[in-house]
Amino acid sequence: MTKFPFEAGIDEILDDVDVYIDSVFSCLESEFLVMPKGAGFVEYPVFERGYETLKAVTNGFSRLDPDKIFMVTVSDPIALVVLRAMLGFTPPEWGYVSTQRTGVSVTQGFVRALDRKIRMAPETKLNINGVVRERVEALIQTACQLLSTGAPKVRQDQLHRLNKADTKQGLSSIKNLSRIGAPYAMLLYERVLGRPFAGHRDSVSDIIGDSLESAIEEVLTNAGISFRKTKRAERIEGFDQSPDFIIPSEFNPQIIIEAKITEDDGTARDKVTRIQHLGELSLAGRNIDDPRYEVIACIGGRGFGVRREDMKKMIIATRGKVFTLKTLDQLVEYTRLKEFQARHR
């Protein structure tokens, strides 16, 4: 029968830590195949409509007229997102190149806000006036120039961002792919270079961990436990980085809960170091058997299941208090949280 580290004392853990590492590994689940859509997710039919609109106004991508494209993006702004996708740029990259080429200051903040505004309401016409008009015109002008010209020659040990199947030869490449469809092998190759859904995953990275935090919050609420859930980048006295949960409050921290999800082992190492640091803070000026507060780690994702040494460090730093989504139902029973339980099932 599997025994988890939170069910054992620290001496028992140290006697056979590998057994407890295996037990945590056995219940780690990865969520990398499923991502939240998040606010501003553009459904394919909406994106396709913008593509067809752009295709029509350019006569099947035969001629990119900045003035005509500008008028289309005002009435059907999702076309602007399509244009950026053709470039293969992030919003800040597009803004930077546009500033360089036109002399118009297209700031990172502006172009990010514009892109998000369009994705949040893709069917709402753009309100273009003054500096907004000037910047949008600069973006479109730059895109038309780059897409019409194609990829310039670079050194053999370099790769130009426009050296893609649809933009390498300028308009002729775009026309060919729009008319005959993209060769599947080439599409797969470009996906290997950039990995599918990378941009979307980056855009929702802040909410990937929300499922775990919500599950913890539900456990605490159902048990009637007072807690303080901190906000990102919030400053809490006594902590150089604010923990995810403080029980019962930041004025009298008795229990600290860190909720961490990662699919990358390098990121997992950083998160383990963070939990170790909290363990060290809890013992600052205190006896090892009398920490200032109990540190609990609630983790998820395949990143934590790669390095055994990192898991060992986490188990020892929390004195065995490591939980996953599968064992979260035992969170209260096997920690000091039961001391603050005001509601029993």
C-alpha atoms as a PDB file:
ATOM      1  CA  MET A   1       0.000   0.000   0.000  1.00  0.00           C
ATOM      2  CA  THR A   2       1.364   3.425  -0.990  1.00  0.00           C
ATOM      3  CA  LYS A   3       2.311   5.667   1.890  1.00  0.00           C
ATOM      4  CA  PHE A   4       2.668   9.383   1.276  1.00  0.00           C
ATOM      5  CA  PRO A   5       5.211  11.632   2.991  1.00  0.00           C
ATOM      6  CA  PHE A   6       2.527  13.649   4.778  1.00  0.00           C
ATOM      7  CA  GLU A   7       1.514  10.435   6.568  1.00  0.00           C
ATOM      8  CA  ALA A   8       5.015   9.949   8.012  1.00  0.00           C
ATOM      9  CA  GLY A   9       7.241  11.703  10.517  1.00  0.00           C
ATOM     10  CA  ILE A  10      10.461  13.363   9.412  1.00  0.00           C
ATOM     11  CA  ASP A  11      12.647  10.601  10.878  1.00  0.00           C
ATOM     12  CA  GLU A  12      10.655   7.960   9.035  1.00  0.00           C
ATOM     13  CA  ILE A  13      11.010   9.942   5.799  1.00  0.00           C
ATOM     14  CA  LEU A  14      14.772  10.322   6.179  1.00  0.00           C
ATOM     15  CA  ASP A  15      15.138   6.570   6.775  1.00  0.00           C
ATOM     16  CA  ASP A  16      13.745   5.739   3.315  1.00  0.00           C
ATOM     17  CA  VAL A  17      13.135   8.973   1.377  1.00  0.00           C
ATOM     18  CA  ASP A  18      13.085   7.198  -2.023  1.00  0.00           C
ATOM     19  CA  VAL A  19       9.855   5.428  -1.118  1.00  0.00           C
ATOM     20  CA  TYR A  20       8.181   8.764  -0.472  1.00  0.00           C
ATOM     21  CA  ILE A  21       9.591  10.317  -3.635  1.00  0.00           C
ATOM     22  CA  ASP A  22       8.030   7.434  -5.589  1.00  0.00           C
ATOM     23  CA  SER A  23       4.682   7.918  -3.864  1.00  0.00           C
ATOM     24  CA  VAL A  24       4.528  11.598  -4.833  1.00  0.00           C
ATOM     25  CA  PHE A  25       5.647  10.833  -8.397  1.00  0.00           C
ATOM     26  CA  SER A  26       2.899   8.212  -8.676  1.00  0.00           C
ATOM     27  CA  CYS A  27       0.120  10.743  -8.191  1.00  0.00           C
ATOM     28  CA  LEU A  28       1.485  13.671 -10.192  1.00  0.00           C
ATOM     29  CA  GLU A  29      -0.739  14.527 -13.136  1.00  0.00           C
ATOM     30  CA  SER A  30       0.157  16.580 -16.172  1.00  0.00           C
ATOM     31  CA  GLU A  31      -2.204  19.127 -17.666  1.00  0.00           C
ATOM     32  CA  PHE A  32      -0.048  20.193 -20.610  1.00  0.00           C
ATOM     33  CA  LEU A  33      -2.449  18.659 -23.157  1.00  0.00           C
ATOM     34  CA  VAL A  34      -5.334  20.805 -21.937  1.00  0.00           C
ATOM     35  CA  MET A  35      -5.142  24.579 -21.557  1.00  0.00           C
ATOM     36  CA  PRO A  36      -7.723  27.121 -20.426  1.00  0.00           C
ATOM     37  CA  LYS A  37      -9.025  29.281 -23.249  1.00  0.00           C
ATOM     38  CA  GLY A  38      -8.899  32.347 -21.053  1.00  0.00           C
ATOM     39  CA  ALA A  39     -10.323  35.776 -21.797  1.00  0.00           C
ATOM     40  CA  GLY A  40      -9.623  36.927 -25.328  1.00  0.00           C
ATOM     41  CA  PHE A  41      -9.452  33.470 -26.907  1.00  0.00           C
ATOM     42  CA  VAL A  42     -10.363  33.768 -30.599  1.00  0.00           C
ATOM     43  CA  GLU A  43     -12.454  30.910 -31.980  1.00  0.00           C
ATOM     44  CA  TYR A  44     -11.440  29.608 -35.378  1.00  0.00           C
ATOM     45  CA  PRO A  45     -14.597  30.722 -37.304  1.00  0.00           C
ATOM     46  CA  VAL A  46     -13.945  34.313 -36.163  1.00  0.00           C
ATOM     47  CA  PHE A  47     -10.288  34.109 -37.190  1.00  0.00           C
ATOM     48  CA  GLU A  48     -11.236  32.537 -40.525  1.00  0.00           C
ATOM     49  CA  ARG A  49     -13.685  35.352 -41.244  1.00  0.00           C
ATOM     50  CA  GLY A  50     -10.889  37.874 -40.740  1.00  0.00           C
ATOM     51  CA  TYR A  51      -8.649  35.827 -43.030  1.00  0.00           C
ATOM     52  CA  GLU A  52     -11.277  35.724 -45.792  1.00  0.00           C
ATOM     53  CA  THR A  53     -11.897  39.461 -45.444  1.00  0.00           C
ATOM     54  CA  LEU A  54      -8.184  40.157 -45.779  1.00  0.00           C
ATOM     55  CA  LYS A  55      -7.920  37.772 -48.719  1.00  0.00           C
ATOM     56  CA  ALA A  56     -10.771  39.528 -50.527  1.00  0.00           C
ATOM     57  CA  VAL A  57      -9.466  43.080 -50.067  1.00  0.00           C
ATOM     58  CA  THR A  58      -6.006  42.066 -51.329  1.00  0.00           C
ATOM     59  CA  ASN A  59      -7.393  40.207 -54.372  1.00  0.00           C
ATOM     60  CA  GLY A  60      -6.185  36.873 -53.088  1.00  0.00           C
ATOM     61  CA  PHE A  61      -3.031  38.420 -51.597  1.00  0.00           C
ATOM     62  CA  SER A  62      -1.959  39.706 -55.020  1.00  0.00           C
ATOM     63  CA  ARG A  63      -1.463  43.261 -53.781  1.00  0.00           C
ATOM     64  CA  LEU A  64      -1.170  44.539 -50.223  1.00  0.00           C
ATOM     65  CA  ASP A  65      -2.549  48.085 -50.260  1.00  0.00           C
ATOM     66  CA  PRO A  66      -2.071  49.647 -46.769  1.00  0.00           C
ATOM     67  CA  ASP A  67      -5.000  52.068 -47.253  1.00  0.00           C
ATOM     68  CA  LYS A  68      -7.466  49.329 -48.207  1.00  0.00           C
ATOM     69  CA  ILE A  69      -6.273  47.040 -45.424  1.00  0.00           C
ATOM     70  CA  PHE A  70      -6.581  49.895 -42.929  1.00  0.00           C
ATOM     71  CA  MET A  71     -10.245  50.421 -43.847  1.00  0.00           C
ATOM     72  CA  VAL A  72     -10.930  46.691 -43.477  1.00  0.00           C
ATOM     73  CA  THR A  73      -9.254  46.473 -40.065  1.00  0.00           C
ATOM     74  CA  VAL A  74     -11.378  49.343 -38.778  1.00  0.00           C
ATOM     75  CA  SER A  75     -14.632  47.578 -39.715  1.00  0.00           C
ATOM     76  CA  ASP A  76     -13.396  44.011 -39.082  1.00  0.00           C
ATOM     77  CA  PRO A  77     -10.448  44.359 -36.662  1.00  0.00           C
ATOM     78  CA  ILE A  78      -9.748  40.618 -36.389  1.00  0.00           C
ATOM     79  CA  ALA A  79      -8.035  41.053 -39.768  1.00  0.00           C
ATOM     80  CA  LEU A  80      -5.251  42.842 -37.875  1.00  0.00           C
ATOM     81  CA  VAL A  81      -4.633  39.693 -35.802  1.00  0.00           C
ATOM     82  CA  VAL A  82      -4.558  37.653 -39.026  1.00  0.00           C
ATOM     83  CA  LEU A  83      -1.988  40.058 -40.471  1.00  0.00           C
ATOM     84  CA  ARG A  84       0.186  39.624 -37.373  1.00  0.00           C
ATOM     85  CA  ALA A  85      -0.123  35.837 -37.651  1.00  0.00           C
ATOM     86  CA  MET A  86       1.124  36.021 -41.235  1.00  0.00           C
ATOM     87  CA  LEU A  87       4.169  37.916 -40.026  1.00  0.00           C
ATOM     88  CA  GLY A  88       4.708  35.429 -37.203  1.00  0.00           C
ATOM     89  CA  PHE A  89       5.448  38.239 -34.746  1.00  0.00           C
ATOM     90  CA  THR A  90       4.347  38.903 -31.180  1.00  0.00           C
ATOM     91  CA  PRO A  91       2.565  42.256 -30.673  1.00  0.00           C
ATOM     92  CA  PRO A  92       5.667  43.923 -29.105  1.00  0.00           C
ATOM     93  CA  GLU A  93       7.862  42.674 -31.965  1.00  0.00           C
ATOM     94  CA  TRP A  94       5.482  44.123 -34.533  1.00  0.00           C
ATOM     95  CA  GLY A  95       5.425  47.433 -32.686  1.00  0.00           C
ATOM     96  CA  TYR A  96       9.214  47.566 -32.447  1.00  0.00           C
ATOM     97  CA  VAL A  97       9.800  46.883 -36.150  1.00  0.00           C
ATOM     98  CA  SER A  98       7.081  49.385 -37.089  1.00  0.00           C
ATOM     99  CA  THR A  99       8.738  52.089 -34.997  1.00  0.00           C
ATOM    100  CA  GLN A 100      12.066  51.389 -36.661  1.00  0.00           C
ATOM    101  CA  ARG A 101      10.675  51.438 -40.192  1.00  0.00           C
ATOM    102  CA  THR A 102       8.183  54.320 -40.004  1.00  0.00           C
ATOM    103  CA  GLY A 103       9.516  56.585 -37.262  1.00  0.00           C
ATOM    104  CA  VAL A 104       6.093  56.447 -35.571  1.00  0.00           C
ATOM    105  CA  SER A 105       6.327  55.487 -31.893  1.00  0.00           C
ATOM    106  CA  VAL A 106       4.319  52.258 -31.620  1.00  0.00           C
ATOM    107  CA  THR A 107       4.898  51.420 -27.979  1.00  0.00           C
ATOM    108  CA  GLN A 108       4.854  47.921 -26.542  1.00  0.00           C
ATOM    109  CA  GLY A 109       1.997  48.852 -24.215  1.00  0.00           C
ATOM    110  CA  PHE A 110      -0.101  50.246 -27.070  1.00  0.00           C
ATOM    111  CA  VAL A 111       0.261  47.289 -29.404  1.00  0.00           C
ATOM    112  CA  ARG A 112      -0.373  44.767 -26.617  1.00  0.00           C
ATOM    113  CA  ALA A 113      -3.500  46.647 -25.529  1.00  0.00           C
ATOM    114  CA  LEU A 114      -4.712  46.880 -29.131  1.00  0.00           C
ATOM    115  CA  ASP A 115      -4.209  43.167 -29.747  1.00  0.00           C
ATOM    116  CA  ARG A 116      -6.029  42.267 -26.525  1.00  0.00           C
ATOM    117  CA  LYS A 117      -8.863  44.698 -27.237  1.00  0.00           C
ATOM    118  CA  ILE A 118      -9.438  43.097 -30.627  1.00  0.00           C
ATOM    119  CA  ARG A 119      -9.321  39.550 -29.240  1.00  0.00           C
ATOM    120  CA  MET A 120     -11.732  40.463 -26.433  1.00  0.00           C
ATOM    121  CA  ALA A 121     -14.263  41.961 -28.877  1.00  0.00           C
ATOM    122  CA  PRO A 122     -13.334  40.861 -32.412  1.00  0.00           C
ATOM    123  CA  GLU A 123     -16.645  42.014 -33.908  1.00  0.00           C
ATOM    124  CA  THR A 124     -16.510  45.555 -32.476  1.00  0.00           C
ATOM    125  CA  LYS A 125     -15.308  48.257 -34.851  1.00  0.00           C
ATOM    126  CA  LEU A 126     -12.123  50.049 -33.894  1.00  0.00           C
ATOM    127  CA  ASN A 127     -12.402  53.587 -32.655  1.00  0.00           C
ATOM    128  CA  ILE A 128      -9.638  55.184 -34.714  1.00  0.00           C
ATOM    129  CA  ASN A 129      -8.544  58.745 -34.054  1.00  0.00           C
ATOM    130  CA  GLY A 130      -5.399  60.809 -33.590  1.00  0.00           C
ATOM    131  CA  VAL A 131      -2.399  58.861 -32.347  1.00  0.00           C
ATOM    132  CA  VAL A 132      -4.262  55.519 -32.528  1.00  0.00           C
ATOM    133  CA  ARG A 133      -4.830  55.968 -36.251  1.00  0.00           C
ATOM    134  CA  GLU A 134      -1.202  56.935 -36.823  1.00  0.00           C
ATOM    135  CA  ARG A 135       0.069  53.870 -34.963  1.00  0.00           C
ATOM    136  CA  VAL A 136      -2.303  51.415 -36.626  1.00  0.00           C
ATOM    137  CA  GLU A 137      -1.353  52.806 -40.027  1.00  0.00           C
ATOM    138  CA  ALA A 138       2.317  52.329 -39.115  1.00  0.00           C
ATOM    139  CA  LEU A 139       1.676  48.702 -38.145  1.00  0.00           C
ATOM    140  CA  ILE A 140      -0.166  47.962 -41.388  1.00  0.00           C
ATOM    141  CA  GLN A 141       2.368  49.775 -43.549  1.00  0.00           C
ATOM    142  CA  THR A 142       5.203  47.804 -41.978  1.00  0.00           C
ATOM    143  CA  ALA A 143       3.364  44.491 -42.387  1.00  0.00           C
ATOM    144  CA  CYS A 144       2.658  45.195 -46.053  1.00  0.00           C
ATOM    145  CA  GLN A 145       6.308  46.033 -46.699  1.00  0.00           C
ATOM    146  CA  LEU A 146       7.654  42.945 -44.938  1.00  0.00           C
ATOM    147  CA  LEU A 147       5.133  40.519 -46.418  1.00  0.00           C
ATOM    148  CA  SER A 148       5.562  41.909 -49.945  1.00  0.00           C
ATOM    149  CA  THR A 149       9.366  41.779 -49.811  1.00  0.00           C
ATOM    150  CA  GLY A 150       9.845  38.374 -48.218  1.00  0.00           C
ATOM    151  CA  ALA A 151      12.915  37.103 -46.416  1.00  0.00           C
ATOM    152  CA  PRO A 152      16.231  38.776 -47.204  1.00  0.00           C
ATOM    153  CA  LYS A 153      19.424  36.778 -47.507  1.00  0.00           C
ATOM    154  CA  VAL A 154      21.301  36.233 -44.268  1.00  0.00           C
ATOM    155  CA  ARG A 155      24.437  34.339 -43.280  1.00  0.00           C
ATOM    156  CA  GLN A 156      24.373  30.543 -43.418  1.00  0.00           C
ATOM    157  CA  ASP A 157      24.474  30.325 -39.641  1.00  0.00           C
ATOM    158  CA  GLN A 158      21.421  32.607 -39.299  1.00  0.00           C
ATOM    159  CA  LEU A 159      17.665  32.173 -39.838  1.00  0.00           C
ATOM    160  CA  HIS A 160      15.421  35.089 -40.731  1.00  0.00           C
ATOM    161  CA  ARG A 161      11.992  35.247 -39.090  1.00  0.00           C
ATOM    162  CA  LEU A 162      10.298  35.678 -42.479  1.00  0.00           C
ATOM    163  CA  ASN A 163      11.939  32.546 -43.875  1.00  0.00           C
ATOM    164  CA  LYS A 164       8.640  30.671 -43.596  1.00  0.00           C
ATOM    165  CA  ALA A 165       6.676  28.720 -46.190  1.00  0.00           C
ATOM    166  CA  ASP A 166       4.125  31.523 -46.556  1.00  0.00           C
ATOM    167  CA  THR A 167       6.460  34.542 -46.524  1.00  0.00           C
ATOM    168  CA  LYS A 168       9.866  33.451 -47.834  1.00  0.00           C
ATOM    169  CA  GLN A 169       9.292  34.676 -51.406  1.00  0.00           C
ATOM    170  CA  GLY A 170       7.016  37.590 -50.557  1.00  0.00           C
ATOM    171  CA  LEU A 171       3.567  37.782 -52.156  1.00  0.00           C
ATOM    172  CA  SER A 172       4.142  34.798 -54.446  1.00  0.00           C
ATOM    173  CA  SER A 173       4.563  32.536 -51.391  1.00  0.00           C
ATOM    174  CA  ILE A 174       1.415  33.877 -49.749  1.00  0.00           C
ATOM    175  CA  LYS A 175      -0.616  33.518 -52.955  1.00  0.00           C
ATOM    176  CA  ASN A 176       0.541  29.957 -53.513  1.00  0.00           C
ATOM    177  CA  LEU A 177      -0.330  28.792 -50.018  1.00  0.00           C
ATOM    178  CA  SER A 178      -3.664  30.606 -49.986  1.00  0.00           C
ATOM    179  CA  ARG A 179      -4.660  28.933 -53.251  1.00  0.00           C
ATOM    180  CA  ILE A 180      -3.318  25.386 -53.010  1.00  0.00           C
ATOM    181  CA  GLY A 181      -3.029  24.896 -49.256  1.00  0.00           C
ATOM    182  CA  ALA A 182       0.125  24.419 -47.237  1.00  0.00           C
ATOM    183  CA  PRO A 183       2.149  21.180 -47.587  1.00  0.00           C
ATOM    184  CA  TYR A 184       1.616  19.252 -44.392  1.00  0.00           C
ATOM    185  CA  ALA A 185       5.300  18.376 -43.960  1.00  0.00           C
ATOM    186  CA  MET A 186       6.266  22.044 -44.099  1.00  0.00           C
ATOM    187  CA  LEU A 187       3.574  22.988 -41.598  1.00  0.00           C
ATOM    188  CA  LEU A 188       4.827  20.294 -39.247  1.00  0.00           C
ATOM    189  CA  TYR A 189       8.382  21.535 -39.642  1.00  0.00           C
ATOM    190  CA  GLU A 190       7.390  25.078 -38.749  1.00  0.00           C
ATOM    191  CA  ARG A 191       5.484  23.780 -35.757  1.00  0.00           C
ATOM    192  CA  VAL A 192       8.619  22.016 -34.541  1.00  0.00           C
ATOM    193  CA  LEU A 193      10.406  25.360 -34.697  1.00  0.00           C
ATOM    194  CA  GLY A 194       7.691  27.154 -32.774  1.00  0.00           C
ATOM    195  CA  ARG A 195       5.516  24.412 -31.205  1.00  0.00           C
ATOM    196  CA  PRO A 196       1.714  24.564 -31.629  1.00  0.00           C
ATOM    197  CA  PHE A 197      -0.280  26.836 -29.314  1.00  0.00           C
ATOM    198  CA  ALA A 198       2.911  28.404 -27.908  1.00  0.00           C
ATOM    199  CA  GLY A 199       1.551  31.936 -28.154  1.00  0.00           C
ATOM    200  CA  HIS A 200      -1.747  30.989 -26.540  1.00  0.00           C
ATOM    201  CA  ARG A 201      -0.065  29.015 -23.768  1.00  0.00           C
ATOM    202  CA  ASP A 202       2.136  32.014 -22.977  1.00  0.00           C
ATOM    203  CA  SER A 203      -0.903  34.294 -22.895  1.00  0.00           C
ATOM    204  CA  VAL A 204      -2.699  32.117 -20.322  1.00  0.00           C
ATOM    205  CA  SER A 205       0.365  31.175 -18.262  1.00  0.00           C
ATOM    206  CA  ASP A 206      -0.878  33.251 -15.330  1.00  0.00           C
ATOM    207  CA  ILE A 207      -4.079  31.212 -15.029  1.00  0.00           C
ATOM    208  CA  ILE A 208      -2.641  27.724 -15.635  1.00  0.00           C
ATOM    209  CA  GLY A 209      -2.279  27.282 -11.871  1.00  0.00           C
ATOM    210  CA  ASP A 210      -5.745  28.586 -11.049  1.00  0.00           C
ATOM    211  CA  SER A 211      -7.260  25.083 -11.065  1.00  0.00           C
ATOM    212  CA  LEU A 212      -4.965  23.995  -8.229  1.00  0.00           C
ATOM    213  CA  GLU A 213      -5.443  27.201  -6.238  1.00  0.00           C
ATOM    214  CA  SER A 214      -9.222  26.934  -6.651  1.00  0.00           C
ATOM    215  CA  ALA A 215      -9.149  23.342  -5.391  1.00  0.00           C
ATOM    216  CA  ILE A 216      -7.139  24.400  -2.309  1.00  0.00           C
ATOM    217  CA  GLU A 217      -9.495  27.286  -1.682  1.00  0.00           C
ATOM    218  CA  GLU A 218     -12.454  24.902  -1.827  1.00  0.00           C
ATOM    219  CA  VAL A 219     -10.845  22.538   0.713  1.00  0.00           C
ATOM    220  CA  LEU A 220     -10.146  25.389   3.133  1.00  0.00           C
ATOM    221  CA  THR A 221     -13.607  26.912   2.721  1.00  0.00           C
ATOM    222  CA  ASN A 222     -15.395  23.582   3.199  1.00  0.00           C
ATOM    223  CA  ALA A 223     -13.436  23.058   6.429  1.00  0.00           C
ATOM    224  CA  GLY A 224     -14.317  26.547   7.670  1.00  0.00           C
ATOM    225  CA  ILE A 225     -10.651  27.513   7.888  1.00  0.00           C
ATOM    226  CA  SER A 226      -9.728  31.200   7.885  1.00  0.00           C
ATOM    227  CA  PHE A 227      -7.149  31.980   5.224  1.00  0.00           C
ATOM    228  CA  ARG A 228      -5.595  34.795   3.263  1.00  0.00           C
ATOM    229  CA  LYS A 229      -5.132  34.175  -0.444  1.00  0.00           C
ATOM    230  CA  THR A 230      -2.537  36.585  -1.742  1.00  0.00           C
ATOM    231  CA  LYS A 231      -2.441  38.341  -5.086  1.00  0.00           C
ATOM    232  CA  ARG A 232       0.389  38.071  -7.576  1.00  0.00           C
ATOM    233  CA  ALA A 233       3.337  40.345  -6.770  1.00  0.00           C
ATOM    234  CA  GLU A 234       1.650  41.428  -3.510  1.00  0.00           C
ATOM    235  CA  ARG A 235       4.000  42.509  -0.738  1.00  0.00           C
ATOM    236  CA  ILE A 236       3.523  40.733   2.605  1.00  0.00           C
ATOM    237  CA  GLU A 237       5.614  41.773   5.594  1.00  0.00           C
ATOM    238  CA  GLY A 238       8.096  39.089   6.614  1.00  0.00           C
ATOM    239  CA  PHE A 239       8.235  37.483   3.157  1.00  0.00           C
ATOM    240  CA  ASP A 240      10.422  38.521   0.245  1.00  0.00           C
ATOM    241  CA  GLN A 241       7.845  36.828  -2.001  1.00  0.00           C
ATOM    242  CA  SER A 242       4.266  36.451  -0.885  1.00  0.00           C
ATOM    243  CA  PRO A 243       3.091  32.834  -0.350  1.00  0.00           C
ATOM    244  CA  ASP A 244      -0.066  31.720  -2.159  1.00  0.00           C
ATOM    245  CA  PHE A 245      -2.052  31.068   1.049  1.00  0.00           C
ATOM    246  CA  ILE A 246      -1.479  32.177   4.651  1.00  0.00           C
ATOM    247  CA  ILE A 247      -3.431  30.607   7.521  1.00  0.00           C
ATOM    248  CA  PRO A 248      -5.068  32.155   9.433  1.00  0.00           C
ATOM    249  CA  SER A 249      -3.741  35.583   8.289  1.00  0.00           C
ATOM    250  CA  GLU A 250      -0.580  37.493   7.417  1.00  0.00           C
ATOM    251  CA  PHE A 251      -0.658  39.045  10.907  1.00  0.00           C
ATOM    252  CA  ASN A 252      -0.211  35.644  12.536  1.00  0.00           C
ATOM    253  CA  PRO A 253       1.092  33.172   9.944  1.00  0.00           C
ATOM    254  CA  GLN A 254       0.862  29.628  11.265  1.00  0.00           C
ATOM    255  CA  ILE A 255       0.627  27.737   7.990  1.00  0.00           C
ATOM    256  CA  ILE A 256       1.945  28.642   4.537  1.00  0.00           C
ATOM    257  CA  ILE A 257       0.671  26.911   1.407  1.00  0.00           C
ATOM    258  CA  GLU A 258       2.487  27.167  -1.899  1.00  0.00           C
ATOM    259  CA  ALA A 259       0.501  26.012  -4.960  1.00  0.00           C
ATOM    260  CA  LYS A 260       2.749  25.276  -7.930  1.00  0.00           C
ATOM    261  CA  ILE A 261       2.081  23.702 -11.333  1.00  0.00           C
ATOM    262  CA  THR A 262       4.757  23.300 -13.981  1.00  0.00           C
ATOM    263  CA  GLU A 263       5.342  21.114 -16.997  1.00  0.00           C
ATOM    264  CA  ASP A 264       9.024  22.070 -17.242  1.00  0.00           C
ATOM    265  CA  ASP A 265      11.701  20.535 -15.008  1.00  0.00           C
ATOM    266  CA  GLY A 266      13.817  23.696 -15.048  1.00  0.00           C
ATOM    267  CA  THR A 267      10.905  25.760 -13.779  1.00  0.00           C
ATOM    268  CA  ALA A 268      10.170  23.025 -11.240  1.00  0.00           C
ATOM    269  CA  ARG A 269      13.676  23.431  -9.832  1.00  0.00           C
ATOM    270  CA  ASP A 270      13.037  27.166  -9.329  1.00  0.00           C
ATOM    271  CA  LYS A 271       9.769  26.427  -7.533  1.00  0.00           C
ATOM    272  CA  VAL A 272      11.449  23.831  -5.303  1.00  0.00           C
ATOM    273  CA  THR A 273      14.068  26.433  -4.381  1.00  0.00           C
ATOM    274  CA  ARG A 274      11.256  28.829  -3.494  1.00  0.00           C
ATOM    275  CA  ILE A 275       9.656  26.238  -1.179  1.00  0.00           C
ATOM    276  CA  GLN A 276      13.042  25.454   0.396  1.00  0.00           C
ATOM    277  CA  HIS A 277      13.501  29.156   1.087  1.00  0.00           C
ATOM    278  CA  LEU A 278      10.144  29.302   2.872  1.00  0.00           C
ATOM    279  CA  GLY A 279      11.228  26.326   4.958  1.00  0.00           C
ATOM    280  CA  GLU A 280      14.413  28.171   5.911  1.00  0.00           C
ATOM    281  CA  LEU A 281      12.461  31.320   6.812  1.00  0.00           C
ATOM    282  CA  SER A 282      10.195  29.278   9.066  1.00  0.00           C
ATOM    283  CA  LEU A 283      13.229  28.132  11.064  1.00  0.00           C
ATOM    284  CA  ALA A 284      15.044  31.479  11.260  1.00  0.00           C
ATOM    285  CA  GLY A 285      16.069  31.868  14.912  1.00  0.00           C
ATOM    286  CA  ARG A 286      13.908  28.885  15.903  1.00  0.00           C
ATOM    287  CA  ASN A 287      14.465  25.302  17.004  1.00  0.00           C
ATOM    288  CA  ILE A 288      14.110  22.721  14.228  1.00  0.00           C
ATOM    289  CA  ASP A 289      11.171  21.181  16.110  1.00  0.00           C
ATOM    290  CA  ASP A 290       9.495  24.550  16.631  1.00  0.00           C
ATOM    291  CA  PRO A 291       9.243  26.315  13.252  1.00  0.00           C
ATOM    292  CA  ARG A 292       7.575  29.691  13.007  1.00  0.00           C
ATOM    293  CA  TYR A 293       4.975  28.210  10.656  1.00  0.00           C
ATOM    294  CA  GLU A 294       4.254  24.980   8.787  1.00  0.00           C
ATOM    295  CA  VAL A 295       5.122  24.966   5.086  1.00  0.00           C
ATOM    296  CA  ILE A 296       2.871  22.953   2.781  1.00  0.00           C
ATOM    297  CA  ALA A 297       3.516  22.342  -0.920  1.00  0.00           C
ATOM    298  CA  CYS A 298       0.629  21.560  -3.264  1.00  0.00           C
ATOM    299  CA  ILE A 299       2.019  20.668  -6.673  1.00  0.00           C
ATOM    300  CA  GLY A 300       1.005  19.485 -10.138  1.00  0.00           C
ATOM    301  CA  GLY A 301       2.457  18.919 -13.599  1.00  0.00           C
ATOM    302  CA  ARG A 302       5.054  16.626 -15.087  1.00  0.00           C
ATOM    303  CA  GLY A 303       7.886  19.091 -14.363  1.00  0.00           C
ATOM    304  CA  PHE A 304       7.988  17.982 -10.721  1.00  0.00           C
ATOM    305  CA  GLY A 305       8.284  14.331 -11.729  1.00  0.00           C
ATOM    306  CA  VAL A 306      11.668  14.595 -13.436  1.00  0.00           C
ATOM    307  CA  ARG A 307      14.382  15.245 -10.839  1.00  0.00           C
ATOM    308  CA  ARG A 308      14.326  12.943  -7.808  1.00  0.00           C
ATOM    309  CA  GLU A 309      16.828  15.106  -5.943  1.00  0.00           C
ATOM    310  CA  ASP A 310      14.535  18.141  -6.260  1.00  0.00           C
ATOM    311  CA  MET A 311      11.578  16.160  -4.924  1.00  0.00           C
ATOM    312  CA  LYS A 312      13.729  14.981  -2.020  1.00  0.00           C
ATOM    313  CA  LYS A 313      14.588  18.586  -1.175  1.00  0.00           C
ATOM    314  CA  MET A 314      10.925  19.579  -1.253  1.00  0.00           C
ATOM    315  CA  ILE A 315       9.813  16.689   0.940  1.00  0.00           C
ATOM    316  CA  ILE A 316      12.480  17.475   3.533  1.00  0.00           C
ATOM    317  CA  ALA A 317      11.872  21.250   3.415  1.00  0.00           C
ATOM    318  CA  THR A 318       8.156  20.712   4.114  1.00  0.00           C
ATOM    319  CA  ARG A 319       8.771  17.830   6.530  1.00  0.00           C
ATOM    320  CA  GLY A 320       6.687  15.620   4.268  1.00  0.00           C
ATOM    321  CA  LYS A 321       3.814  18.033   3.647  1.00  0.00           C
ATOM    322  CA  VAL A 322       3.676  17.599  -0.134  1.00  0.00           C
ATOM    323  CA  PHE A 323       0.250  17.157  -1.751  1.00  0.00           C
ATOM    324  CA  THR A 324      -1.054  16.772  -5.300  1.00  0.00           C
ATOM    325  CA  LEU A 325      -4.546  17.153  -6.739  1.00  0.00           C
ATOM    326  CA  LYS A 326      -5.086  13.433  -6.087  1.00  0.00           C
ATOM    327  CA  THR A 327      -4.232  13.729  -2.384  1.00  0.00           C
ATOM    328  CA  LEU A 328      -5.729  17.162  -1.716  1.00  0.00           C
ATOM    329  CA  ASP A 329      -8.687  15.585   0.069  1.00  0.00           C
ATOM    330  CA  GLN A 330      -6.256  14.660   2.882  1.00  0.00           C
ATOM    331  CA  LEU A 331      -4.792  18.153   3.191  1.00  0.00           C
ATOM    332  CA  VAL A 332      -6.590  19.086   6.400  1.00  0.00           C
ATOM    333  CA  GLU A 333      -6.294  15.714   8.128  1.00  0.00           C
ATOM    334  CA  TYR A 334      -2.505  15.430   7.824  1.00  0.00           C
ATOM    335  CA  THR A 335      -1.424  19.012   8.524  1.00  0.00           C
ATOM    336  CA  ARG A 336      -1.862  21.675  11.190  1.00  0.00           C
ATOM    337  CA  LEU A 337      -4.867  22.887   9.209  1.00  0.00           C
ATOM    338  CA  LYS A 338      -7.007  20.609  11.379  1.00  0.00           C
ATOM    339  CA  GLU A 339      -6.241  22.930  14.319  1.00  0.00           C
ATOM    340  CA  PHE A 340      -8.096  25.694  12.489  1.00  0.00           C
ATOM    341  CA  GLN A 341     -10.967  23.575  11.236  1.00  0.00           C
ATOM    342  CA  ALA A 342     -14.314  25.084  12.214  1.00  0.00           C
ATOM    343  CA  ARG A 343     -16.532  22.909  10.061  1.00  0.00           C
ATOM    344  CA  HIS A 344     -16.545  19.108  10.110  1.00  0.00           C
ATOM    345  CA  ARG A 345     -18.157  16.783   7.606  1.00  0.00           C
END
